[in-house]
């Protein structure tokens, strides 16, 4: 009798263990299509059962943010307005907080707490050429294990308590930087001229880094950059600000010999050295698009499985100019910067010029990001621009800048 009871207990224990293991492997909660703009992941969501709205998945954001126009449209109650420093040094943002907002992705409900309300769409439209209605940052990535599949263009939300990984990808430990909003970082090694190597922590920023890797003031650029190397001056806009034009950060872009993280190595990456942001640099979309990425904050790790784009070369802009859409009209494309001595400058293009057509095609048809991709090719382009009230025909011949 005791022997039979013992045998039954062993069988029951094995059965329960098998069921638990089966359930642990079934961690998927929702699978959604993923849009990509500049390879930055965006998903459709409903807010208070209305929508859909476009929300950006951003590991480089410490909170959740909704656009103030959307909040006003949905009559979501907020606290008193506040003002504070934006993400970029010297910028100011006006914001408020909504105590709770119901967000849903497909059939997955997400009651979001303490949601910042600010002017998201204006900055996003200017930089991305598309109106985005909010940003999903750290609280979302803590609540779910998030998988970004850049080959299938899918986002998968997993239950972090049941998620298990037994694949062959590289597993990189995440360090959450307490002095920078607890944002995640990984250890990166750069190799510059004369074989000099520098190891540093870079923030993982899925909502940025569309053109390469940025290095902050923490790293001495003289340790890596060949004094004779080509450099392209840059300015860009990041973070929230009441005035998108105030979010300019300055620095330069160049190429280094190598970059490695964990088991992965990249040759001749494009790297920007910022002159005005924090000590931390960041990498994002241009690196992450080369992988199936799993952000597992509960286990403090990022899992990377290389895809077909892993070994692709880092393409530089060959025009030497930086284009933005206007806040008021997504179809109006203006020149925000012209690098001296490069193709746009040689063609006579000036800051504030409005691009009307490229090779006879209207910019509204090409889109902002389509034009940017076009100018990554070495070719000759016939442009029509508007300068003040004057229409001007310009021929620009692009070639590699770096």
Protein backbone atom coordinates (compact mmCIF):
# COMPACT_ATOMS: atom_id res chain seq x y z
CA UNK A 1 0.00 0.00 0.00
CA UNK A 2 2.72 2.46 0.98
CA UNK A 3 4.69 1.49 -2.11
CA UNK A 4 1.69 2.19 -4.39
CA UNK A 5 1.05 5.52 -2.67
CA UNK A 6 4.71 6.48 -3.05
CA UNK A 7 4.64 5.55 -6.76
CA UNK A 8 1.45 7.59 -7.29
CA UNK A 9 3.01 10.64 -5.56
CA UNK A 10 6.08 10.42 -7.78
CA UNK A 11 3.85 10.17 -10.89
CA UNK A 12 1.75 13.17 -9.76
CA UNK A 13 4.87 15.23 -9.08
CA UNK A 14 6.28 14.48 -12.53
CA UNK A 15 2.93 15.33 -14.14
CA UNK A 16 2.72 18.68 -12.36
CA UNK A 17 6.31 19.47 -13.28
CA UNK A 18 5.65 18.69 -16.94
CA UNK A 19 2.54 20.90 -16.91
CA UNK A 20 4.47 23.73 -15.30
CA UNK A 21 7.22 23.47 -17.90
CA UNK A 22 4.66 23.43 -20.72
CA UNK A 23 2.96 26.52 -19.31
CA UNK A 24 6.33 28.25 -18.80
CA UNK A 25 7.07 27.87 -22.50
CA UNK A 26 3.69 29.35 -23.45
CA UNK A 27 4.46 32.92 -22.43
CA UNK A 28 3.05 34.76 -25.46
CA UNK A 29 0.29 37.22 -24.60
CA UNK A 30 -0.17 39.14 -27.86
CA UNK A 31 1.42 39.36 -31.30
CA UNK A 32 1.03 42.55 -33.33
CA UNK A 33 2.17 44.02 -36.66
CA UNK A 34 5.07 46.45 -36.26
CA UNK A 35 5.52 49.56 -38.35
CA UNK A 36 9.02 50.96 -38.76
CA UNK A 37 9.98 54.54 -39.43
CA UNK A 38 13.76 55.00 -39.64
CA UNK A 39 13.69 51.41 -38.30
CA UNK A 40 12.14 52.71 -35.06
CA UNK A 41 9.34 50.34 -33.89
CA UNK A 42 5.78 51.68 -33.80
CA UNK A 43 2.56 49.83 -33.00
CA UNK A 44 -1.12 50.63 -33.21
CA UNK A 45 -2.99 50.82 -29.92
CA UNK A 46 -6.32 51.94 -28.57
CA UNK A 47 -6.48 54.56 -25.84
CA UNK A 48 -9.61 54.52 -23.68
CA UNK A 49 -11.09 52.17 -26.32
CA UNK A 50 -10.64 54.79 -29.05
CA UNK A 51 -8.26 54.79 -31.95
CA UNK A 52 -6.12 53.30 -33.31
CA UNK A 53 -3.24 55.57 -32.32
CA UNK A 54 0.43 55.15 -33.18
CA UNK A 55 2.72 54.58 -30.20
CA UNK A 56 6.51 54.36 -30.34
CA UNK A 57 8.30 51.55 -28.44
CA UNK A 58 11.21 53.30 -26.77
CA UNK A 59 13.66 51.70 -24.37
CA UNK A 60 15.34 55.11 -24.22
CA UNK A 61 12.31 56.69 -22.49
CA UNK A 62 11.98 56.40 -18.72
CA UNK A 63 8.21 56.79 -18.72
CA UNK A 64 5.00 56.70 -20.73
CA UNK A 65 4.04 59.77 -22.74
CA UNK A 66 0.88 60.67 -24.64
CA UNK A 67 0.43 63.61 -26.97
CA UNK A 68 -1.46 66.48 -25.38
CA UNK A 69 -3.84 66.80 -28.35
CA UNK A 70 -4.89 63.14 -28.00
CA UNK A 71 -5.47 63.54 -24.26
CA UNK A 72 -7.55 66.65 -24.91
CA UNK A 73 -9.52 64.88 -27.65
CA UNK A 74 -10.34 61.95 -25.35
CA UNK A 75 -11.17 64.17 -22.35
CA UNK A 76 -8.60 62.41 -20.15
CA UNK A 77 -8.21 64.22 -16.83
CA UNK A 78 -4.73 65.48 -15.93
CA UNK A 79 -3.07 67.27 -13.05
CA UNK A 80 -1.76 70.83 -13.06
CA UNK A 81 0.74 71.73 -15.82
CA UNK A 82 4.45 71.74 -14.97
CA UNK A 83 7.64 72.68 -16.74
CA UNK A 84 11.11 71.22 -16.60
CA UNK A 85 14.25 70.35 -18.51
CA UNK A 86 13.90 68.35 -21.68
CA UNK A 87 16.02 65.41 -22.74
CA UNK A 88 18.50 67.70 -24.45
CA UNK A 89 20.61 70.18 -22.55
CA UNK A 90 18.99 73.63 -22.55
CA UNK A 91 15.58 72.46 -23.79
CA UNK A 92 12.36 73.01 -21.82
CA UNK A 93 9.20 70.93 -21.82
CA UNK A 94 5.74 71.75 -20.48
CA UNK A 95 3.84 68.69 -19.29
CA UNK A 96 1.19 67.29 -16.97
CA UNK A 97 0.36 63.83 -15.63
CA UNK A 98 -2.72 61.67 -16.13
CA UNK A 99 -3.07 59.33 -13.12
CA UNK A 100 -4.32 56.37 -15.18
CA UNK A 101 -4.96 55.70 -18.85
CA UNK A 102 -6.31 52.49 -20.35
CA UNK A 103 -4.21 51.36 -23.31
CA UNK A 104 -4.83 48.17 -25.28
CA UNK A 105 -2.79 46.32 -27.90
CA UNK A 106 -5.01 43.90 -29.78
CA UNK A 107 -6.65 41.85 -27.02
CA UNK A 108 -4.04 42.81 -24.42
CA UNK A 109 -5.15 45.37 -21.83
CA UNK A 110 -2.57 47.65 -20.23
CA UNK A 111 -3.80 50.05 -17.51
CA UNK A 112 -0.97 52.61 -17.55
CA UNK A 113 -0.25 54.61 -14.42
CA UNK A 114 1.15 58.13 -14.14
CA UNK A 115 1.28 58.96 -17.84
CA UNK A 116 3.08 62.13 -18.91
CA UNK A 117 1.13 64.39 -21.24
CA UNK A 118 3.23 66.58 -23.53
CA UNK A 119 3.72 67.73 -27.13
CA UNK A 120 4.90 64.46 -28.68
CA UNK A 121 3.50 64.70 -32.20
CA UNK A 122 5.20 67.93 -33.23
CA UNK A 123 8.75 66.73 -32.54
CA UNK A 124 8.05 63.28 -33.99
CA UNK A 125 6.55 64.74 -37.18
CA UNK A 126 9.49 67.06 -37.72
CA UNK A 127 12.09 64.31 -37.32
CA UNK A 128 10.23 61.22 -38.56
CA UNK A 129 7.87 62.65 -41.14
CA UNK A 130 4.91 60.97 -39.44
CA UNK A 131 2.56 61.91 -36.64
CA UNK A 132 3.08 59.68 -33.60
CA UNK A 133 0.68 59.90 -30.67
CA UNK A 134 2.75 58.63 -27.76
CA UNK A 135 5.81 56.88 -26.40
CA UNK A 136 5.89 53.59 -24.49
CA UNK A 137 8.99 53.49 -22.31
CA UNK A 138 10.36 51.74 -19.23
CA UNK A 139 7.05 50.91 -17.44
CA UNK A 140 5.86 48.90 -20.46
CA UNK A 141 9.16 47.00 -20.75
CA UNK A 142 9.02 46.20 -17.04
CA UNK A 143 5.44 44.96 -17.31
CA UNK A 144 6.06 42.71 -20.34
CA UNK A 145 8.96 40.89 -21.94
CA UNK A 146 8.99 42.51 -25.38
CA UNK A 147 10.17 40.84 -28.59
CA UNK A 148 10.89 42.83 -31.76
CA UNK A 149 11.10 40.71 -34.90
CA UNK A 150 12.56 42.95 -37.62
CA UNK A 151 12.27 40.27 -40.29
CA UNK A 152 8.55 39.60 -39.82
CA UNK A 153 7.84 43.16 -38.64
CA UNK A 154 6.09 41.89 -35.54
CA UNK A 155 6.03 42.79 -31.87
CA UNK A 156 5.34 40.03 -29.36
CA UNK A 157 4.41 40.70 -25.74
CA UNK A 158 5.31 37.90 -23.31
CA UNK A 159 4.43 37.22 -19.69
CA UNK A 160 7.79 37.83 -17.95
CA UNK A 161 7.00 35.27 -15.22
CA UNK A 162 6.54 32.49 -17.75
CA UNK A 163 9.07 33.53 -20.36
CA UNK A 164 11.93 31.09 -20.98
CA UNK A 165 14.61 31.26 -23.65
CA UNK A 166 16.43 28.24 -25.04
CA UNK A 167 17.47 29.62 -28.43
CA UNK A 168 20.96 30.13 -29.83
CA UNK A 169 21.06 33.93 -29.69
CA UNK A 170 23.54 36.05 -27.80
CA UNK A 171 22.50 37.07 -24.29
CA UNK A 172 23.75 40.48 -23.14
CA UNK A 173 23.39 41.60 -19.52
CA UNK A 174 21.52 44.88 -19.05
CA UNK A 175 22.68 47.45 -16.51
CA UNK A 176 20.05 49.97 -15.47
CA UNK A 177 21.70 53.36 -15.02
CA UNK A 178 20.33 54.86 -11.81
CA UNK A 179 21.74 58.31 -12.57
CA UNK A 180 19.96 58.36 -15.93
CA UNK A 181 16.35 57.39 -15.34
CA UNK A 182 17.17 53.69 -14.81
CA UNK A 183 17.52 53.31 -18.56
CA UNK A 184 19.13 50.08 -19.81
CA UNK A 185 22.70 49.95 -21.05
CA UNK A 186 25.10 47.30 -22.31
CA UNK A 187 28.87 47.12 -22.42
CA UNK A 188 30.35 48.07 -25.81
CA UNK A 189 33.94 47.97 -27.04
CA UNK A 190 35.08 50.35 -29.78
CA UNK A 191 38.28 50.00 -31.73
CA UNK A 192 39.71 53.11 -33.33
CA UNK A 193 42.83 54.04 -35.22
CA UNK A 194 46.17 52.44 -34.29
CA UNK A 195 44.19 49.60 -32.66
CA UNK A 196 43.17 51.68 -29.66
CA UNK A 197 40.22 50.20 -27.77
CA UNK A 198 37.72 51.81 -25.42
CA UNK A 199 35.08 49.96 -23.42
CA UNK A 200 32.04 51.91 -22.30
CA UNK A 201 28.38 51.53 -21.42
CA UNK A 202 25.90 52.70 -24.05
CA UNK A 203 22.19 53.15 -23.46
CA UNK A 204 19.91 50.88 -25.47
CA UNK A 205 17.54 53.26 -27.26
CA UNK A 206 15.03 51.51 -29.52
CA UNK A 207 13.36 54.87 -30.16
CA UNK A 208 16.50 56.50 -31.57
CA UNK A 209 19.85 55.73 -33.16
CA UNK A 210 18.40 55.55 -36.66
CA UNK A 211 21.71 56.45 -38.32
CA UNK A 212 24.27 54.71 -36.15
CA UNK A 213 25.77 54.99 -32.70
CA UNK A 214 26.23 58.07 -30.55
CA UNK A 215 28.97 58.47 -27.97
CA UNK A 216 28.62 60.93 -25.12
CA UNK A 217 31.16 63.01 -23.27
CA UNK A 218 32.14 60.03 -21.11
CA UNK A 219 34.45 58.79 -23.89
CA UNK A 220 37.55 60.70 -24.96
CA UNK A 221 37.17 60.93 -28.74
CA UNK A 222 40.91 61.47 -29.11
CA UNK A 223 41.41 57.85 -28.01
CA UNK A 224 39.47 56.57 -31.02
CA UNK A 225 39.24 59.04 -33.88
CA UNK A 226 42.06 59.40 -36.35
CA UNK A 227 42.85 63.13 -36.59
CA UNK A 228 42.95 62.75 -40.37
CA UNK A 229 39.61 60.89 -40.59
CA UNK A 230 36.69 62.42 -42.43
CA UNK A 231 34.09 64.04 -40.18
CA UNK A 232 30.62 65.31 -41.01
CA UNK A 233 29.14 67.92 -38.66
CA UNK A 234 25.66 66.97 -37.44
CA UNK A 235 22.73 68.38 -35.62
CA UNK A 236 19.62 66.55 -34.65
CA UNK A 237 16.64 66.74 -32.36
CA UNK A 238 15.93 64.35 -29.57
CA UNK A 239 13.62 64.27 -26.63
CA UNK A 240 10.63 66.46 -25.85
CA UNK A 241 10.62 70.22 -26.11
CA UNK A 242 7.98 72.91 -26.58
CA UNK A 243 10.07 74.24 -29.45
CA UNK A 244 11.42 71.48 -31.72
CA UNK A 245 13.99 73.92 -33.11
CA UNK A 246 15.54 74.20 -29.63
CA UNK A 247 16.33 70.51 -29.46
CA UNK A 248 19.40 70.72 -31.66
CA UNK A 249 22.48 68.88 -30.48
CA UNK A 250 25.80 69.32 -32.20
CA UNK A 251 28.73 67.05 -32.87
CA UNK A 252 30.22 65.12 -35.75
CA UNK A 253 29.91 61.73 -37.42
CA UNK A 254 32.83 59.57 -38.46
CA UNK A 255 33.69 55.91 -38.91
CA UNK A 256 35.58 53.77 -36.41
CA UNK A 257 37.32 50.50 -37.19
CA UNK A 258 35.13 48.15 -35.16
CA UNK A 259 32.40 47.94 -32.56
CA UNK A 260 31.61 44.83 -30.55
CA UNK A 261 29.05 43.84 -27.95
CA UNK A 262 28.97 40.36 -26.51
CA UNK A 263 29.62 37.89 -29.35
CA UNK A 264 28.69 40.38 -32.08
CA UNK A 265 31.08 42.55 -34.07
CA UNK A 266 30.44 45.35 -36.57
CA UNK A 267 32.96 46.71 -39.05
CA UNK A 268 33.29 50.43 -39.81
CA UNK A 269 30.23 51.60 -37.85
CA UNK A 270 29.01 55.17 -38.21
CA UNK A 271 29.58 56.87 -34.87
CA UNK A 272 28.53 60.35 -33.80
CA UNK A 273 30.39 62.17 -31.06
CA UNK A 274 28.01 64.57 -29.33
CA UNK A 275 29.22 67.86 -27.95
CA UNK A 276 26.20 68.63 -25.79
CA UNK A 277 24.43 65.56 -24.39
CA UNK A 278 25.13 63.55 -21.25
CA UNK A 279 28.07 61.33 -20.48
CA UNK A 280 26.20 58.32 -21.90
CA UNK A 281 25.97 57.59 -25.57
CA UNK A 282 23.42 55.25 -27.10
CA UNK A 283 22.71 52.82 -29.88
CA UNK A 284 19.32 51.99 -31.26
CA UNK A 285 17.44 51.27 -34.45
CA UNK A 286 20.40 51.00 -36.86
CA UNK A 287 21.93 48.25 -34.70
CA UNK A 288 18.74 46.59 -33.43
CA UNK A 289 17.23 46.20 -36.92
CA UNK A 290 19.91 43.59 -37.60
CA UNK A 291 18.43 41.22 -34.99
CA UNK A 292 15.38 39.60 -33.54
CA UNK A 293 15.53 41.38 -30.19
CA UNK A 294 14.04 40.31 -26.87
CA UNK A 295 14.02 42.79 -23.99
CA UNK A 296 13.74 40.76 -20.79
CA UNK A 297 13.95 43.37 -18.05
CA UNK A 298 12.94 40.92 -15.31
CA UNK A 299 16.09 38.89 -16.00
CA UNK A 300 18.11 42.07 -16.76
CA UNK A 301 19.10 40.85 -20.20
CA UNK A 302 18.73 41.56 -23.90
CA UNK A 303 18.68 38.61 -26.31
CA UNK A 304 19.88 39.09 -29.88
CA UNK A 305 19.40 36.68 -32.78
CA UNK A 306 21.08 37.90 -36.01
CA UNK A 307 18.87 38.24 -39.09
CA UNK A 308 19.65 38.69 -42.79
CA UNK A 309 20.64 42.34 -42.23
CA UNK A 310 23.25 41.56 -39.57
CA UNK A 311 26.33 42.00 -41.79
CA UNK A 312 25.01 44.91 -43.87
CA UNK A 313 27.33 47.88 -44.21
CA UNK A 314 26.51 51.10 -42.37
CA UNK A 315 25.29 53.52 -45.02
CA UNK A 316 26.09 57.21 -44.68
CA UNK A 317 24.04 60.11 -45.97
CA UNK A 318 25.72 61.23 -49.17
CA UNK A 319 24.04 64.61 -49.56
CA UNK A 320 25.62 66.40 -46.61
CA UNK A 321 22.31 67.94 -45.57
CA UNK A 322 19.75 67.19 -42.89
CA UNK A 323 16.07 67.39 -43.83
CA UNK A 324 13.02 67.79 -41.58
CA UNK A 325 9.28 68.03 -42.08
CA UNK A 326 7.51 71.08 -40.74
CA UNK A 327 5.36 70.86 -37.64
CA UNK A 328 2.31 72.26 -39.43
CA UNK A 329 2.49 70.26 -42.65
CA UNK A 330 4.01 66.80 -43.00
CA UNK A 331 4.41 67.31 -46.74
CA UNK A 332 6.62 70.39 -46.42
CA UNK A 333 10.29 69.31 -46.37
CA UNK A 334 12.92 71.86 -45.42
CA UNK A 335 16.70 71.87 -45.16
CA UNK A 336 17.72 72.09 -41.49
CA UNK A 337 21.48 71.77 -41.96
CA UNK A 338 24.06 71.90 -44.75
CA UNK A 339 27.52 70.50 -44.06
CA UNK A 340 30.23 72.73 -45.59
CA UNK A 341 32.09 71.19 -48.50
CA UNK A 342 29.70 68.33 -49.21
CA UNK A 343 27.24 67.66 -52.06
CA UNK A 344 24.37 69.92 -51.00
CA UNK A 345 26.71 72.79 -50.20
CA UNK A 346 28.50 72.42 -53.54
CA UNK A 347 25.14 72.43 -55.33
CA UNK A 348 24.21 75.74 -53.68
CA UNK A 349 21.51 74.42 -51.32
CA UNK A 350 20.95 76.57 -48.24
CA UNK A 351 19.42 76.14 -44.79
CA UNK A 352 15.63 76.84 -44.83
CA UNK A 353 15.31 75.93 -48.50
CA UNK A 354 12.12 73.96 -49.15
CA UNK A 355 12.51 70.84 -51.30
CA UNK A 356 9.62 70.63 -53.79
CA UNK A 357 10.61 67.83 -56.17
CA UNK A 358 13.39 65.26 -56.63
CA UNK A 359 13.90 64.05 -60.21
CA UNK A 360 10.46 65.37 -61.07
CA UNK A 361 8.65 63.58 -58.24
CA UNK A 362 6.78 65.59 -55.62
CA UNK A 363 8.17 65.27 -52.10
CA UNK A 364 4.71 64.36 -50.76
CA UNK A 365 4.88 61.25 -52.94
CA UNK A 366 8.46 60.43 -51.94
CA UNK A 367 7.99 61.20 -48.20
CA UNK A 368 10.67 62.56 -45.88
CA UNK A 369 12.19 59.18 -45.13
CA UNK A 370 12.03 58.12 -48.75
CA UNK A 371 14.12 61.16 -49.69
CA UNK A 372 16.60 60.42 -46.91
CA UNK A 373 17.01 56.85 -48.17
CA UNK A 374 17.40 58.14 -51.73
CA UNK A 375 20.25 60.42 -50.71
CA UNK A 376 22.14 57.46 -49.24
CA UNK A 377 22.88 56.47 -52.84
CA UNK A 378 25.67 58.00 -54.92
CA UNK A 379 23.90 59.56 -57.91
CA UNK A 380 22.97 62.79 -59.67
CA UNK A 381 19.65 64.35 -58.62
CA UNK A 382 17.65 67.18 -60.17
CA UNK A 383 15.91 69.16 -57.44
CA UNK A 384 13.35 71.92 -57.45
CA UNK A 385 13.53 74.08 -54.35
CA UNK A 386 11.71 77.09 -53.01
CA UNK A 387 13.86 79.83 -51.49
CA UNK A 388 11.65 82.53 -50.10
CA UNK A 389 9.27 83.18 -53.02
CA UNK A 390 11.67 82.02 -55.72
CA UNK A 391 11.62 78.58 -57.36
CA UNK A 392 15.09 77.33 -58.23
CA UNK A 393 16.28 74.28 -60.21
CA UNK A 394 19.40 72.65 -58.74
CA UNK A 395 21.46 69.63 -59.74
CA UNK A 396 23.15 67.79 -56.88
CA UNK A 397 25.73 65.06 -57.34
CA UNK A 398 26.06 62.88 -54.24
CA UNK A 399 29.02 60.76 -53.27
CA UNK A 400 30.21 58.98 -50.11
CA UNK A 401 30.90 61.45 -47.31
CA UNK A 402 32.67 59.00 -44.99
